[in-house]
Amino acid sequence: MEDLNALLEPGMLVSHPDRPEWGIGQVQSNIGGRITVNFREQGKVVIDGRHVTLLPVFDD
């Protein structure tokens, strides 16, 4: 299976599959599998893409 996190670019909207309470987040950066996301309800979080596959959000 292709690494879906590798397709994430700054500005894209995502959700965390294990933390729906964080709400929708906007990708700030994606460097070396470390994805920085600014979530509406949680703030800025750095996610290790080796352990979590973020879900793209196309309809907000």
Protein backbone atom coordinates (compact mmCIF):
# COMPACT_ATOMS: atom_id res chain seq x y z
CA MET A 1 0.00 0.00 0.00
CA GLU A 2 1.33 3.41 -0.94
CA ASP A 3 2.08 5.84 1.87
CA LEU A 4 -0.87 8.23 1.70
CA ASN A 5 0.82 10.69 4.07
CA ALA A 6 3.47 11.31 1.41
CA LEU A 7 0.77 12.96 -0.71
CA LEU A 8 -0.11 15.55 1.94
CA GLU A 9 0.95 19.10 1.13
CA PRO A 10 0.76 22.38 3.06
CA GLY A 11 -2.75 23.81 2.96
CA MET A 12 -4.54 20.48 2.69
CA LEU A 13 -7.24 19.67 5.23
CA VAL A 14 -7.00 16.45 7.23
CA SER A 15 -8.45 14.65 10.22
CA HIS A 16 -6.75 12.33 12.70
CA PRO A 17 -8.43 8.89 12.66
CA ASP A 18 -7.90 8.33 16.41
CA ARG A 19 -8.65 11.89 17.57
CA PRO A 20 -11.92 13.09 15.98
CA GLU A 21 -12.34 15.55 18.86
CA TRP A 22 -9.40 17.54 17.42
CA GLY A 23 -11.59 18.51 14.46
CA ILE A 24 -10.30 19.34 11.00
CA GLY A 25 -6.68 20.37 10.67
CA GLN A 26 -4.63 22.16 8.04
CA VAL A 27 -1.26 20.70 7.05
CA GLN A 28 1.53 23.20 7.74
CA SER A 29 4.46 21.04 6.59
CA ASN A 30 5.35 17.48 5.66
CA ILE A 31 9.08 16.83 5.97
CA GLY A 32 10.60 13.37 6.26
CA GLY A 33 7.38 11.80 7.47
CA ARG A 34 6.89 14.38 10.21
CA ILE A 35 3.65 16.19 9.49
CA THR A 36 2.81 19.43 11.27
CA VAL A 37 -0.92 20.07 11.41
CA ASN A 38 -2.85 22.95 12.95
CA PHE A 39 -6.09 21.41 14.29
CA ARG A 40 -9.11 23.61 15.10
CA GLU A 41 -9.67 22.18 18.56
CA GLN A 42 -6.15 21.04 19.51
CA GLY A 43 -3.78 23.54 17.95
CA LYS A 44 -0.46 22.70 16.32
CA VAL A 45 0.56 19.03 16.48
CA VAL A 46 3.54 17.23 14.94
CA ILE A 47 2.55 13.74 13.80
CA ASP A 48 4.87 10.85 13.02
CA GLY A 49 3.52 9.60 9.71
CA ARG A 50 5.06 6.17 10.30
CA HIS A 51 2.48 5.51 13.00
CA VAL A 52 -0.61 7.45 11.90
CA THR A 53 -2.20 7.82 8.48
CA LEU A 54 -4.06 11.11 8.35
CA LEU A 55 -7.33 11.24 6.46
CA PRO A 56 -7.71 13.91 3.77
CA VAL A 57 -10.84 16.04 4.07
CA PHE A 58 -12.30 17.24 0.80
CA ASP A 59 -15.62 18.61 1.99
CA ASP A 60 -15.61 20.87 5.04
